[in-house]
Protein backbone atom coordinates (compact mmCIF):
# COMPACT_ATOMS: atom_id res chain seq x y z
CA GLN A 1 -23.90 18.11 4.32
CA ALA A 2 -23.81 17.23 8.01
CA SER A 3 -20.88 15.25 9.34
CA VAL A 4 -21.72 12.15 11.43
CA SER A 5 -19.43 10.25 13.83
CA VAL A 6 -20.07 7.47 16.33
CA LEU A 7 -18.53 7.86 19.79
CA ASP A 8 -19.16 4.87 22.09
CA ASP A 9 -22.93 4.95 22.66
CA ALA A 10 -23.48 8.36 21.05
CA VAL A 11 -23.85 9.62 17.51
CA LEU A 12 -22.33 13.07 16.98
CA VAL A 13 -23.75 15.17 14.16
CA THR A 14 -22.19 18.49 13.17
CA LEU A 15 -24.38 20.71 11.01
CA PRO A 16 -22.95 23.17 8.48
CA ALA A 17 -23.68 26.90 8.66
CA GLU A 18 -26.72 26.66 6.38
CA GLN A 19 -29.44 24.03 6.29
CA THR A 20 -32.39 23.96 3.89
CA ALA A 21 -35.71 22.30 4.65
CA ARG A 22 -34.59 19.38 2.45
CA ASP A 23 -31.30 19.18 4.38
CA PHE A 24 -33.24 18.84 7.64
CA ASP A 25 -35.40 16.08 6.13
CA LEU A 26 -32.29 14.17 5.06
CA LEU A 27 -30.64 14.84 8.41
CA CYS A 28 -33.49 13.15 10.27
CA VAL A 29 -33.28 10.01 8.13
CA ASP A 30 -29.48 9.91 8.43
CA VAL A 31 -29.41 10.38 12.21
CA LEU A 32 -32.09 7.75 12.76
CA ALA A 33 -30.16 5.27 10.61
CA HIS A 34 -26.87 5.92 12.42
CA VAL A 35 -28.46 5.69 15.88
CA GLY A 36 -30.26 2.48 14.92
CA ASN A 37 -27.19 0.86 13.37
CA ALA A 38 -24.91 1.84 16.26
CA ARG A 39 -27.60 1.09 18.87
CA ALA A 40 -26.63 4.43 20.33
CA LYS A 41 -28.31 5.84 23.42
CA TRP A 42 -27.61 9.45 22.47
CA ALA A 43 -27.69 11.73 19.44
CA LEU A 44 -25.59 14.85 19.91
CA LEU A 45 -26.41 17.56 17.38
CA ASP A 46 -23.79 20.29 17.19
CA LEU A 47 -25.53 23.40 15.89
CA SER A 48 -22.79 25.84 16.90
CA GLY A 49 -22.00 26.64 13.27
CA LEU A 50 -25.64 27.03 12.24
CA LEU A 51 -26.32 30.67 11.48
CA VAL A 52 -30.11 30.50 11.11
CA LEU A 53 -32.73 28.12 12.44
CA ASP A 54 -36.28 28.83 11.30
CA GLU A 55 -39.51 27.39 12.64
CA HIS A 56 -39.50 24.52 10.12
CA GLY A 57 -35.97 23.51 11.11
CA PHE A 58 -36.87 23.69 14.78
CA ARG A 59 -39.97 21.53 14.22
CA GLN A 60 -37.79 19.02 12.36
CA LEU A 61 -35.48 18.83 15.38
CA GLU A 62 -38.45 18.34 17.70
CA GLY A 63 -39.71 15.55 15.47
CA LEU A 64 -36.29 13.94 15.37
CA SER A 65 -36.13 14.00 19.16
CA ALA A 66 -39.51 12.24 19.37
CA MET A 67 -38.47 9.61 16.81
CA LEU A 68 -35.21 8.95 18.65
CA LYS A 69 -37.18 8.30 21.84
CA LEU A 70 -38.94 5.47 20.00
CA LEU A 71 -35.49 3.97 19.39
CA GLY A 72 -34.63 4.35 23.08
CA ALA A 73 -32.22 7.23 22.43
CA ARG A 74 -32.13 10.80 23.65
CA MET A 75 -30.99 13.92 21.83
CA ILE A 76 -28.93 16.88 23.01
CA VAL A 77 -28.71 20.02 20.89
CA ILE A 78 -25.33 21.68 21.34
CA GLY A 79 -24.23 25.27 20.87
CA ILE A 80 -27.34 27.01 19.58
CA ARG A 81 -26.40 30.66 19.17
CA PRO A 82 -28.16 33.11 21.53
CA GLY A 83 -29.49 35.08 18.55
CA VAL A 84 -31.08 31.93 17.12
CA ILE A 85 -32.72 31.18 20.47
CA ALA A 86 -33.99 34.76 20.75
CA GLY A 87 -35.38 34.63 17.21
CA LEU A 88 -37.27 31.41 17.90
CA ALA A 89 -38.63 32.84 21.16
CA ARG A 90 -39.84 35.96 19.30
CA LEU A 91 -41.76 33.65 16.97
CA GLY A 92 -43.54 32.28 20.03
CA ILE A 93 -41.98 28.82 19.73
CA ASP A 94 -41.94 26.73 22.90
CA LEU A 95 -38.26 25.89 23.40
CA THR A 96 -38.75 23.46 26.28
CA GLY A 97 -39.11 20.40 24.05
CA LEU A 98 -35.40 20.03 23.34
CA ARG A 99 -32.53 19.37 25.71
CA GLY A 100 -29.58 21.67 25.15
CA ALA A 101 -25.96 22.06 26.15
CA LEU A 102 -23.82 25.13 25.60
CA THR A 103 -20.68 23.17 24.73
CA MET A 104 -19.66 19.72 23.53
CA ASP A 105 -17.87 19.15 26.86
CA ARG A 106 -21.12 19.77 28.74
CA ALA A 107 -23.02 17.44 26.40
CA LEU A 108 -20.47 14.69 27.00
CA GLU A 109 -20.81 15.23 30.77
CA ILE A 110 -24.57 14.70 30.43
CA VAL A 111 -24.01 11.54 28.37
CA ARG A 112 -21.64 10.22 31.04
CA GLY A 113 -24.24 10.87 33.73
CA GLY A 114 -22.91 14.19 35.03
């Protein structure tokens, strides 16, 4: 189960080490609801604990990013492990569709306009 917190105009979501396809489906619904209810401008997804991200999970994140744009919010994916990125690249997945930050501090700088 992902943990969700609201920080000013951002929703912070921390994902556990393992996510199933069903977990990603529920995550999308949950994040959209929190962003809508909080009228947040940002969704910050902390994936630093996520051990594996397959193509389906990545596509879910891309879809979530597109849906958030319809709500007027933007998404930053935080802390994706280098091995996960390399694995997705080896699958031929275009990684340019998501905005990333290495650390939570960097994501918060982006949110604050830095």
